[in-house]
N, C-alpha and C. Protein backbone atom coordinates (compact mmCIF):
# COMPACT_ATOMS: atom_id res chain seq x y z
N MET A 1 23.10 8.06 26.86
CA MET A 1 23.38 7.55 25.53
C MET A 1 23.57 6.05 25.62
N PRO A 2 22.91 5.28 24.77
CA PRO A 2 23.05 3.83 24.81
C PRO A 2 24.48 3.42 24.50
N ARG A 3 24.90 2.42 25.19
CA ARG A 3 26.26 1.93 24.99
C ARG A 3 26.32 1.01 23.79
N ALA A 4 27.55 0.86 23.29
CA ALA A 4 27.77 -0.03 22.16
C ALA A 4 27.69 -1.48 22.61
N GLU A 5 27.34 -2.33 21.67
CA GLU A 5 27.33 -3.75 21.97
C GLU A 5 28.76 -4.20 22.27
N PRO A 6 28.92 -5.19 23.16
CA PRO A 6 30.28 -5.66 23.48
C PRO A 6 31.00 -6.17 22.24
N GLY A 7 32.23 -5.74 22.08
CA GLY A 7 33.05 -6.19 20.97
C GLY A 7 32.87 -5.38 19.69
N THR A 8 32.00 -4.35 19.71
CA THR A 8 31.82 -3.50 18.53
C THR A 8 31.89 -2.05 18.97
N SER A 9 32.17 -1.19 18.04
CA SER A 9 32.18 0.24 18.33
C SER A 9 30.89 0.91 17.86
N LYS A 10 29.99 0.11 17.32
CA LYS A 10 28.74 0.63 16.79
C LYS A 10 27.74 0.81 17.94
N PRO A 11 27.06 1.98 18.04
CA PRO A 11 26.09 2.17 19.12
C PRO A 11 24.88 1.24 18.96
N LEU A 12 24.23 0.97 20.07
CA LEU A 12 23.10 0.05 20.10
C LEU A 12 21.91 0.59 19.32
N LEU A 13 21.65 1.88 19.42
CA LEU A 13 20.54 2.51 18.70
C LEU A 13 21.07 3.31 17.52
N PRO A 14 20.31 3.40 16.43
CA PRO A 14 20.77 4.21 15.28
C PRO A 14 20.94 5.67 15.69
N GLN A 15 21.92 6.33 15.06
CA GLN A 15 22.19 7.72 15.39
C GLN A 15 22.46 8.49 14.11
N GLY A 16 22.22 9.78 14.14
CA GLY A 16 22.55 10.65 13.02
C GLY A 16 21.72 10.34 11.79
N ALA A 17 22.42 10.13 10.66
CA ALA A 17 21.74 9.94 9.37
C ALA A 17 20.97 8.63 9.31
N GLU A 18 21.22 7.70 10.22
CA GLU A 18 20.51 6.43 10.19
C GLU A 18 19.10 6.51 10.76
N LEU A 19 18.78 7.60 11.45
CA LEU A 19 17.44 7.73 12.01
C LEU A 19 16.42 7.92 10.91
N VAL A 20 15.25 7.34 11.11
CA VAL A 20 14.18 7.44 10.13
C VAL A 20 13.44 8.76 10.36
N ALA A 21 13.40 9.57 9.33
CA ALA A 21 12.62 10.80 9.39
C ALA A 21 11.18 10.46 9.03
N PRO A 22 10.22 10.90 9.81
CA PRO A 22 8.83 10.57 9.49
C PRO A 22 8.40 11.24 8.19
N PRO A 23 7.54 10.57 7.42
CA PRO A 23 7.06 11.17 6.18
C PRO A 23 6.19 12.39 6.47
N THR A 24 6.28 13.37 5.62
CA THR A 24 5.48 14.58 5.80
C THR A 24 4.07 14.35 5.27
N PRO A 25 3.09 15.02 5.88
CA PRO A 25 1.71 14.88 5.37
C PRO A 25 1.59 15.30 3.91
N ALA A 26 2.34 16.32 3.50
CA ALA A 26 2.26 16.77 2.10
C ALA A 26 2.71 15.66 1.15
N ARG A 27 3.78 14.96 1.49
CA ARG A 27 4.28 13.89 0.63
C ARG A 27 3.29 12.73 0.58
N VAL A 28 2.71 12.39 1.71
CA VAL A 28 1.75 11.27 1.76
C VAL A 28 0.52 11.60 0.92
N TYR A 29 -0.06 12.77 1.15
CA TYR A 29 -1.30 13.11 0.45
C TYR A 29 -1.06 13.40 -1.03
N ALA A 30 0.11 13.94 -1.37
CA ALA A 30 0.43 14.16 -2.78
C ALA A 30 0.57 12.82 -3.51
N SER A 31 1.22 11.85 -2.89
CA SER A 31 1.37 10.55 -3.54
C SER A 31 0.02 9.83 -3.65
N LEU A 32 -0.85 10.01 -2.66
CA LEU A 32 -2.19 9.42 -2.75
C LEU A 32 -3.00 10.08 -3.86
N ALA A 33 -2.83 11.39 -4.05
CA ALA A 33 -3.53 12.08 -5.14
C ALA A 33 -3.02 11.61 -6.50
N VAL A 34 -1.71 11.40 -6.63
CA VAL A 34 -1.16 10.89 -7.89
C VAL A 34 -1.67 9.48 -8.16
N ALA A 35 -1.72 8.65 -7.11
CA ALA A 35 -2.22 7.28 -7.27
C ALA A 35 -3.70 7.29 -7.66
N LEU A 36 -4.48 8.18 -7.07
CA LEU A 36 -5.89 8.29 -7.43
C LEU A 36 -6.03 8.72 -8.88
N ALA A 37 -5.20 9.66 -9.31
CA ALA A 37 -5.24 10.09 -10.72
C ALA A 37 -4.87 8.94 -11.65
N ALA A 38 -3.89 8.13 -11.26
CA ALA A 38 -3.50 6.98 -12.09
C ALA A 38 -4.63 5.96 -12.16
N THR A 39 -5.34 5.78 -11.07
CA THR A 39 -6.47 4.85 -11.06
C THR A 39 -7.59 5.35 -11.96
N LEU A 40 -7.79 6.65 -12.00
CA LEU A 40 -8.91 7.23 -12.74
C LEU A 40 -8.57 7.60 -14.18
N LEU A 41 -7.37 7.28 -14.64
CA LEU A 41 -7.02 7.55 -16.03
C LEU A 41 -7.98 6.81 -16.97
N PRO A 42 -8.22 7.35 -18.15
CA PRO A 42 -9.11 6.66 -19.10
C PRO A 42 -8.40 5.49 -19.77
N TRP A 43 -8.38 4.36 -19.10
CA TRP A 43 -7.74 3.16 -19.65
C TRP A 43 -8.60 2.58 -20.75
N ALA A 44 -7.98 1.84 -21.66
CA ALA A 44 -8.72 1.20 -22.75
C ALA A 44 -9.72 0.20 -22.17
N ASP A 45 -10.92 0.17 -22.72
CA ASP A 45 -11.98 -0.69 -22.18
C ASP A 45 -11.61 -2.17 -22.21
N GLY A 46 -10.90 -2.59 -23.23
CA GLY A 46 -10.53 -4.00 -23.35
C GLY A 46 -9.50 -4.43 -22.32
N MET A 47 -8.73 -3.49 -21.79
CA MET A 47 -7.68 -3.81 -20.82
C MET A 47 -8.02 -3.34 -19.41
N LEU A 48 -9.18 -2.76 -19.21
CA LEU A 48 -9.54 -2.17 -17.93
C LEU A 48 -9.53 -3.20 -16.79
N TRP A 49 -9.86 -4.42 -17.09
CA TRP A 49 -9.91 -5.45 -16.05
C TRP A 49 -8.52 -5.86 -15.58
N LEU A 50 -7.46 -5.47 -16.30
CA LEU A 50 -6.09 -5.77 -15.88
C LEU A 50 -5.45 -4.63 -15.10
N VAL A 51 -6.09 -3.46 -15.06
CA VAL A 51 -5.50 -2.30 -14.40
C VAL A 51 -5.64 -2.45 -12.89
N PRO A 52 -4.52 -2.43 -12.15
CA PRO A 52 -4.61 -2.56 -10.70
C PRO A 52 -5.14 -1.28 -10.07
N ASP A 53 -5.53 -1.39 -8.84
CA ASP A 53 -6.04 -0.24 -8.09
C ASP A 53 -4.84 0.48 -7.47
N PHE A 54 -4.31 1.46 -8.19
CA PHE A 54 -3.13 2.19 -7.72
C PHE A 54 -3.42 2.94 -6.42
N THR A 55 -4.65 3.41 -6.26
CA THR A 55 -5.02 4.11 -5.03
C THR A 55 -4.89 3.19 -3.83
N LEU A 56 -5.39 1.99 -3.95
CA LEU A 56 -5.28 1.03 -2.85
C LEU A 56 -3.82 0.68 -2.57
N MET A 57 -3.04 0.52 -3.61
CA MET A 57 -1.63 0.16 -3.41
C MET A 57 -0.88 1.27 -2.67
N ALA A 58 -1.11 2.53 -3.06
CA ALA A 58 -0.46 3.64 -2.36
C ALA A 58 -0.99 3.76 -0.93
N LEU A 59 -2.28 3.53 -0.76
CA LEU A 59 -2.87 3.59 0.57
C LEU A 59 -2.28 2.52 1.48
N LEU A 60 -2.09 1.32 0.96
CA LEU A 60 -1.48 0.26 1.77
C LEU A 60 -0.03 0.56 2.08
N TYR A 61 0.69 1.12 1.10
CA TYR A 61 2.09 1.50 1.34
C TYR A 61 2.17 2.48 2.51
N TRP A 62 1.34 3.51 2.48
CA TRP A 62 1.39 4.52 3.54
C TRP A 62 0.77 4.02 4.84
N SER A 63 -0.12 3.05 4.77
CA SER A 63 -0.65 2.46 6.01
C SER A 63 0.44 1.68 6.74
N ILE A 64 1.38 1.14 5.99
CA ILE A 64 2.52 0.46 6.60
C ILE A 64 3.53 1.47 7.12
N ARG A 65 3.87 2.49 6.32
CA ARG A 65 4.92 3.44 6.64
C ARG A 65 4.48 4.57 7.56
N ALA A 66 3.26 5.06 7.38
CA ALA A 66 2.77 6.21 8.15
C ALA A 66 1.31 6.00 8.52
N PRO A 67 1.04 5.10 9.47
CA PRO A 67 -0.36 4.77 9.78
C PRO A 67 -1.17 5.93 10.34
N ARG A 68 -0.53 6.90 10.94
CA ARG A 68 -1.29 8.03 11.48
C ARG A 68 -1.75 8.98 10.38
N LEU A 69 -1.09 8.94 9.24
CA LEU A 69 -1.46 9.82 8.13
C LEU A 69 -2.36 9.14 7.12
N ALA A 70 -2.35 7.82 7.08
CA ALA A 70 -3.15 7.08 6.09
C ALA A 70 -3.90 5.96 6.79
N GLY A 71 -4.89 6.34 7.57
CA GLY A 71 -5.65 5.37 8.33
C GLY A 71 -7.00 5.08 7.70
N LEU A 72 -7.93 4.67 8.54
CA LEU A 72 -9.24 4.27 8.05
C LEU A 72 -10.06 5.43 7.49
N GLY A 73 -9.91 6.62 8.06
CA GLY A 73 -10.64 7.78 7.55
C GLY A 73 -10.21 8.14 6.14
N VAL A 74 -8.91 8.14 5.91
CA VAL A 74 -8.39 8.42 4.56
C VAL A 74 -8.83 7.32 3.61
N ALA A 75 -8.81 6.06 4.06
CA ALA A 75 -9.25 4.94 3.22
C ALA A 75 -10.71 5.11 2.82
N PHE A 76 -11.56 5.49 3.76
CA PHE A 76 -12.98 5.66 3.46
C PHE A 76 -13.18 6.81 2.48
N LEU A 77 -12.50 7.92 2.70
CA LEU A 77 -12.63 9.07 1.82
C LEU A 77 -12.15 8.74 0.40
N LEU A 78 -10.99 8.10 0.28
CA LEU A 78 -10.49 7.71 -1.04
C LEU A 78 -11.43 6.71 -1.72
N GLY A 79 -12.00 5.81 -0.94
CA GLY A 79 -12.95 4.85 -1.51
C GLY A 79 -14.19 5.54 -2.04
N LEU A 80 -14.70 6.53 -1.30
CA LEU A 80 -15.87 7.26 -1.79
C LEU A 80 -15.55 8.05 -3.06
N VAL A 81 -14.38 8.68 -3.09
CA VAL A 81 -13.99 9.42 -4.30
C VAL A 81 -13.87 8.47 -5.48
N THR A 82 -13.29 7.30 -5.26
CA THR A 82 -13.16 6.31 -6.33
C THR A 82 -14.53 5.83 -6.79
N ASP A 83 -15.45 5.64 -5.85
CA ASP A 83 -16.81 5.22 -6.20
C ASP A 83 -17.52 6.27 -7.05
N VAL A 84 -17.43 7.52 -6.63
CA VAL A 84 -18.10 8.59 -7.36
C VAL A 84 -17.49 8.76 -8.74
N ALA A 85 -16.16 8.75 -8.82
CA ALA A 85 -15.49 8.96 -10.10
C ALA A 85 -15.69 7.77 -11.05
N GLY A 86 -15.77 6.56 -10.50
CA GLY A 86 -15.94 5.38 -11.33
C GLY A 86 -17.38 5.07 -11.66
N GLY A 87 -18.31 5.72 -10.99
CA GLY A 87 -19.72 5.48 -11.26
C GLY A 87 -20.22 4.14 -10.78
N VAL A 88 -19.60 3.59 -9.74
CA VAL A 88 -20.06 2.31 -9.19
C VAL A 88 -20.92 2.58 -7.96
N LEU A 89 -21.44 1.52 -7.40
CA LEU A 89 -22.30 1.62 -6.23
C LEU A 89 -21.59 2.38 -5.12
N MET A 90 -22.25 3.38 -4.57
CA MET A 90 -21.65 4.22 -3.54
C MET A 90 -21.28 3.40 -2.31
N GLY A 91 -20.04 3.44 -1.94
CA GLY A 91 -19.55 2.75 -0.76
C GLY A 91 -18.90 1.41 -1.04
N LEU A 92 -18.93 0.94 -2.27
CA LEU A 92 -18.36 -0.36 -2.60
C LEU A 92 -16.84 -0.35 -2.43
N ASN A 93 -16.17 0.58 -3.06
CA ASN A 93 -14.72 0.69 -2.89
C ASN A 93 -14.37 1.21 -1.51
N ALA A 94 -15.21 2.05 -0.92
CA ALA A 94 -14.95 2.55 0.42
C ALA A 94 -14.91 1.39 1.42
N LEU A 95 -15.84 0.46 1.29
CA LEU A 95 -15.85 -0.72 2.15
C LEU A 95 -14.59 -1.56 1.94
N ALA A 96 -14.23 -1.78 0.68
CA ALA A 96 -13.06 -2.60 0.37
C ALA A 96 -11.77 -1.93 0.86
N TYR A 97 -11.64 -0.61 0.66
CA TYR A 97 -10.45 0.10 1.12
C TYR A 97 -10.34 0.06 2.64
N CYS A 98 -11.46 0.25 3.33
CA CYS A 98 -11.43 0.22 4.79
C CYS A 98 -11.07 -1.17 5.32
N ALA A 99 -11.61 -2.21 4.70
CA ALA A 99 -11.29 -3.57 5.13
C ALA A 99 -9.81 -3.87 4.91
N ALA A 100 -9.28 -3.49 3.75
CA ALA A 100 -7.86 -3.74 3.46
C ALA A 100 -6.96 -2.93 4.39
N THR A 101 -7.32 -1.68 4.63
CA THR A 101 -6.51 -0.84 5.52
C THR A 101 -6.56 -1.38 6.95
N PHE A 102 -7.71 -1.85 7.39
CA PHE A 102 -7.81 -2.42 8.74
C PHE A 102 -6.89 -3.62 8.89
N VAL A 103 -6.88 -4.50 7.91
CA VAL A 103 -6.01 -5.68 7.97
C VAL A 103 -4.54 -5.25 8.00
N ILE A 104 -4.18 -4.28 7.17
CA ILE A 104 -2.80 -3.80 7.14
C ILE A 104 -2.41 -3.18 8.47
N LEU A 105 -3.29 -2.41 9.06
CA LEU A 105 -2.98 -1.80 10.36
C LEU A 105 -2.78 -2.85 11.45
N MET A 106 -3.50 -3.95 11.35
CA MET A 106 -3.32 -5.03 12.31
C MET A 106 -2.01 -5.79 12.09
N LEU A 107 -1.56 -5.89 10.85
CA LEU A 107 -0.35 -6.64 10.51
C LEU A 107 0.87 -5.75 10.25
N ARG A 108 0.76 -4.47 10.55
CA ARG A 108 1.79 -3.50 10.18
C ARG A 108 3.15 -3.84 10.75
N ARG A 109 3.23 -4.17 12.01
CA ARG A 109 4.54 -4.47 12.63
C ARG A 109 5.21 -5.66 11.96
N ARG A 110 4.44 -6.65 11.60
CA ARG A 110 5.01 -7.81 10.93
C ARG A 110 5.48 -7.45 9.52
N LEU A 111 4.69 -6.65 8.81
CA LEU A 111 5.05 -6.27 7.44
C LEU A 111 6.28 -5.37 7.39
N GLU A 112 6.50 -4.57 8.43
CA GLU A 112 7.67 -3.70 8.46
C GLU A 112 8.97 -4.49 8.47
N GLY A 113 8.95 -5.68 9.01
CA GLY A 113 10.16 -6.49 9.09
C GLY A 113 10.52 -7.22 7.82
N PHE A 114 9.62 -7.24 6.85
CA PHE A 114 9.88 -7.94 5.59
C PHE A 114 10.51 -7.01 4.57
N ASP A 115 11.32 -7.58 3.69
CA ASP A 115 11.79 -6.82 2.55
C ASP A 115 10.66 -6.75 1.53
N VAL A 116 10.86 -6.00 0.46
CA VAL A 116 9.79 -5.72 -0.50
C VAL A 116 9.23 -6.99 -1.16
N PRO A 117 10.06 -7.93 -1.63
CA PRO A 117 9.46 -9.13 -2.24
C PRO A 117 8.62 -9.95 -1.25
N ARG A 118 9.06 -10.02 -0.02
CA ARG A 118 8.27 -10.77 0.98
C ARG A 118 6.99 -10.01 1.35
N GLN A 119 7.06 -8.67 1.33
CA GLN A 119 5.84 -7.89 1.54
C GLN A 119 4.84 -8.18 0.42
N ALA A 120 5.34 -8.28 -0.80
CA ALA A 120 4.44 -8.56 -1.93
C ALA A 120 3.74 -9.90 -1.74
N LEU A 121 4.47 -10.89 -1.23
CA LEU A 121 3.84 -12.19 -0.97
C LEU A 121 2.80 -12.10 0.13
N GLN A 122 3.06 -11.28 1.13
CA GLN A 122 2.11 -11.12 2.23
C GLN A 122 0.88 -10.32 1.78
N LEU A 123 1.08 -9.37 0.86
CA LEU A 123 -0.01 -8.51 0.43
C LEU A 123 -0.83 -9.07 -0.72
N ALA A 124 -0.31 -10.07 -1.42
CA ALA A 124 -1.02 -10.64 -2.58
C ALA A 124 -2.42 -11.13 -2.22
N PRO A 125 -2.60 -11.89 -1.13
CA PRO A 125 -3.97 -12.30 -0.80
C PRO A 125 -4.89 -11.12 -0.46
N LEU A 126 -4.32 -10.09 0.12
CA LEU A 126 -5.13 -8.92 0.47
C LEU A 126 -5.55 -8.15 -0.79
N LEU A 127 -4.63 -7.97 -1.72
CA LEU A 127 -4.96 -7.27 -2.97
C LEU A 127 -5.96 -8.07 -3.80
N LEU A 128 -5.79 -9.38 -3.83
CA LEU A 128 -6.74 -10.24 -4.52
C LEU A 128 -8.08 -10.27 -3.77
N GLY A 129 -8.01 -10.26 -2.44
CA GLY A 129 -9.22 -10.26 -1.63
C GLY A 129 -10.06 -9.00 -1.82
N LYS A 130 -9.41 -7.88 -2.02
CA LYS A 130 -10.15 -6.63 -2.28
C LYS A 130 -10.95 -6.76 -3.56
N GLU A 131 -10.32 -7.28 -4.59
CA GLU A 131 -11.03 -7.46 -5.86
C GLU A 131 -12.16 -8.48 -5.71
N ALA A 132 -11.92 -9.53 -4.94
CA ALA A 132 -12.96 -10.54 -4.71
C ALA A 132 -14.13 -9.96 -3.92
N LEU A 133 -13.84 -9.10 -2.95
CA LEU A 133 -14.90 -8.46 -2.17
C LEU A 133 -15.76 -7.57 -3.04
N VAL A 134 -15.13 -6.77 -3.90
CA VAL A 134 -15.87 -5.90 -4.81
C VAL A 134 -16.68 -6.75 -5.79
N LEU A 135 -16.08 -7.83 -6.29
CA LEU A 135 -16.78 -8.71 -7.23
C LEU A 135 -17.99 -9.37 -6.57
N LEU A 136 -17.80 -9.93 -5.38
CA LEU A 136 -18.91 -10.60 -4.70
C LEU A 136 -20.03 -9.64 -4.34
N ALA A 137 -19.68 -8.44 -3.90
CA ALA A 137 -20.72 -7.45 -3.60
C ALA A 137 -21.46 -7.06 -4.88
N GLY A 138 -20.72 -6.93 -5.98
CA GLY A 138 -21.36 -6.60 -7.25
C GLY A 138 -22.26 -7.71 -7.74
N LEU A 139 -21.84 -8.98 -7.57
CA LEU A 139 -22.68 -10.11 -7.98
C LEU A 139 -23.93 -10.23 -7.12
N MET A 140 -23.78 -9.98 -5.82
CA MET A 140 -24.94 -10.06 -4.92
C MET A 140 -25.95 -8.97 -5.25
N LEU A 141 -25.47 -7.82 -5.66
CA LEU A 141 -26.37 -6.71 -5.97
C LEU A 141 -26.83 -6.72 -7.41
N GLY A 142 -26.32 -7.66 -8.21
CA GLY A 142 -26.75 -7.78 -9.60
C GLY A 142 -26.22 -6.67 -10.50
N LEU A 143 -25.03 -6.15 -10.19
CA LEU A 143 -24.46 -5.09 -11.02
C LEU A 143 -23.98 -5.67 -12.35
N PRO A 144 -24.25 -5.01 -13.47
CA PRO A 144 -23.87 -5.57 -14.77
C PRO A 144 -22.36 -5.59 -15.01
N GLN A 145 -21.58 -4.72 -14.34
CA GLN A 145 -20.15 -4.68 -14.59
C GLN A 145 -19.38 -5.72 -13.77
N ALA A 146 -20.04 -6.51 -12.94
CA ALA A 146 -19.37 -7.55 -12.16
C ALA A 146 -18.95 -8.70 -13.07
N ASP A 147 -17.66 -8.95 -13.15
CA ASP A 147 -17.11 -9.96 -14.05
C ASP A 147 -15.94 -10.63 -13.34
N TRP A 148 -15.80 -11.94 -13.49
CA TRP A 148 -14.75 -12.70 -12.82
C TRP A 148 -13.36 -12.30 -13.29
N ARG A 149 -13.26 -11.73 -14.48
CA ARG A 149 -11.95 -11.30 -14.99
C ARG A 149 -11.33 -10.21 -14.12
N TRP A 150 -12.14 -9.50 -13.36
CA TRP A 150 -11.63 -8.41 -12.53
C TRP A 150 -10.68 -8.92 -11.44
N LEU A 151 -10.74 -10.21 -11.13
CA LEU A 151 -9.80 -10.76 -10.14
C LEU A 151 -8.36 -10.68 -10.63
N ALA A 152 -8.16 -10.62 -11.94
CA ALA A 152 -6.81 -10.51 -12.49
C ALA A 152 -6.14 -9.21 -12.04
N ALA A 153 -6.91 -8.16 -11.80
CA ALA A 153 -6.34 -6.90 -11.35
C ALA A 153 -5.67 -7.06 -9.98
N GLY A 154 -6.18 -7.93 -9.14
CA GLY A 154 -5.54 -8.20 -7.86
C GLY A 154 -4.18 -8.87 -8.02
N LEU A 155 -4.09 -9.78 -8.97
CA LEU A 155 -2.81 -10.44 -9.25
C LEU A 155 -1.80 -9.46 -9.85
N VAL A 156 -2.27 -8.61 -10.76
CA VAL A 156 -1.40 -7.60 -11.35
C VAL A 156 -0.91 -6.63 -10.28
N ALA A 157 -1.79 -6.26 -9.36
CA ALA A 157 -1.40 -5.37 -8.26
C ALA A 157 -0.33 -6.01 -7.38
N ALA A 158 -0.46 -7.31 -7.13
CA ALA A 158 0.56 -8.00 -6.31
C ALA A 158 1.91 -8.00 -7.00
N VAL A 159 1.91 -8.19 -8.33
CA VAL A 159 3.17 -8.17 -9.08
C VAL A 159 3.74 -6.76 -9.11
N LEU A 160 2.88 -5.76 -9.26
CA LEU A 160 3.35 -4.38 -9.32
C LEU A 160 3.70 -3.79 -7.95
N TRP A 161 3.44 -4.52 -6.88
CA TRP A 161 3.81 -4.02 -5.56
C TRP A 161 5.32 -3.82 -5.46
N LEU A 162 6.10 -4.74 -6.05
CA LEU A 162 7.55 -4.62 -5.99
C LEU A 162 8.06 -3.31 -6.57
N PRO A 163 7.77 -2.99 -7.84
CA PRO A 163 8.29 -1.72 -8.35
C PRO A 163 7.70 -0.49 -7.67
N LEU A 164 6.42 -0.57 -7.27
CA LEU A 164 5.82 0.57 -6.59
C LEU A 164 6.48 0.83 -5.25
N ALA A 165 6.68 -0.22 -4.46
CA ALA A 165 7.30 -0.05 -3.15
C ALA A 165 8.75 0.41 -3.28
N TRP A 166 9.48 -0.15 -4.25
CA TRP A 166 10.86 0.29 -4.45
C TRP A 166 10.90 1.75 -4.89
N LEU A 167 9.98 2.15 -5.77
CA LEU A 167 9.92 3.54 -6.21
C LEU A 167 9.60 4.46 -5.04
N MET A 168 8.60 4.10 -4.26
CA MET A 168 8.22 4.93 -3.11
C MET A 168 9.34 4.99 -2.08
N ASP A 169 10.02 3.86 -1.84
CA ASP A 169 11.16 3.87 -0.93
C ASP A 169 12.25 4.79 -1.44
N ARG A 170 12.48 4.75 -2.73
CA ARG A 170 13.51 5.60 -3.33
C ARG A 170 13.14 7.08 -3.22
N LEU A 171 11.86 7.40 -3.49
CA LEU A 171 11.42 8.78 -3.42
C LEU A 171 11.40 9.33 -2.00
N THR A 172 11.12 8.46 -1.03
CA THR A 172 11.08 8.91 0.36
C THR A 172 12.43 8.81 1.05
N GLY A 173 13.40 8.16 0.41
CA GLY A 173 14.75 8.10 0.97
C GLY A 173 15.00 6.92 1.88
N TYR A 174 14.13 5.92 1.89
CA TYR A 174 14.34 4.75 2.73
C TYR A 174 15.30 3.78 2.07
N THR A 175 16.30 3.34 2.82
CA THR A 175 17.24 2.32 2.35
C THR A 175 17.49 1.36 3.48
N ARG A 176 18.21 0.31 3.20
CA ARG A 176 18.53 -0.69 4.22
C ARG A 176 19.90 -0.38 4.83
N VAL A 177 20.03 -0.66 6.10
CA VAL A 177 21.31 -0.50 6.77
C VAL A 177 22.22 -1.65 6.38
N ALA A 178 23.45 -1.37 6.01
CA ALA A 178 24.40 -2.43 5.67
C ALA A 178 24.66 -3.29 6.89
N GLY A 179 24.66 -4.59 6.69
CA GLY A 179 24.91 -5.52 7.80
C GLY A 179 23.66 -5.95 8.52
N GLN A 180 22.51 -5.40 8.20
CA GLN A 180 21.26 -5.77 8.87
C GLN A 180 20.58 -6.93 8.17
N GLY A 181 21.02 -7.30 6.97
CA GLY A 181 20.37 -8.39 6.24
C GLY A 181 19.21 -7.87 5.44
N GLU A 182 18.61 -8.74 4.66
CA GLU A 182 17.53 -8.34 3.79
C GLU A 182 16.30 -7.90 4.56
N ALA A 183 16.04 -8.51 5.70
CA ALA A 183 14.82 -8.19 6.43
C ALA A 183 15.10 -7.19 7.54
N GLY A 184 16.18 -6.45 7.45
CA GLY A 184 16.51 -5.46 8.46
C GLY A 184 15.60 -4.25 8.37
N PRO A 185 15.70 -3.38 9.35
CA PRO A 185 14.83 -2.21 9.38
C PRO A 185 15.21 -1.21 8.29
N ARG A 186 14.24 -0.44 7.87
CA ARG A 186 14.48 0.59 6.87
C ARG A 186 14.88 1.87 7.60
N VAL A 187 15.84 2.54 7.05
CA VAL A 187 16.24 3.82 7.62
C VAL A 187 16.41 4.83 6.52
N ARG A 188 16.35 6.06 6.89
CA ARG A 188 16.52 7.16 5.92
C ARG A 188 17.97 7.61 5.95
N VAL A 189 18.56 7.72 4.76
CA VAL A 189 19.94 8.21 4.68
C VAL A 189 20.01 9.48 3.88
C-alpha cells in the first residue's frame, strides 16, 4: 500500500470512492447514438449552418475519456453513417471524423489535465478545422452545398463544448477532487 505524503494523512494514490470507474461500452455507445440522432434531427433549413456536429463532439469527448471504446474505427463508422444519412459525398465526414479523432488521441494526455473551459479552448481549432476540411473538400469537388457559412458550426460547437462536457461529466459521475485545483484529475464519486 502506498504510503502517505510526509506531513499528511492522505494516501499518495486515490483509494475507495475516489478511484475512476471506467465507462461502460453501453454508456459510450448509447451516448454516441443519442448524439448521432441529435445531429440528424430535421433542423430548419435557414439555421442548418449553425447546427454543430453533435456526433463529433460526443466522439471527441469519449476519445478523451475512453479511447479504447471510441477510437478510429468508431469514428470512421459514425462518419459513414452521417454521410449516408445526410446525403453528402461518401467518406467526407468519415475522413473528417477520423482526422479529428486521430489528433485527439495524440493529445489525449494533455487534454485530460485541463478543466472543461480550457479543453474548449484547445478543441476550438479542431472543431473549426473539421468544418474547414469538409468545406474545402466540398469546394474542391464542386459540391453545391459547400458554403463558407458552415464554418460557423465549428465556432458554435466550440462554445457548446462547455455545457456538453459538463453534462457528460455529470451523467458519468466525474467530479474534481477537492484540493486538487481546477486542472486536477477527474475522479468518480
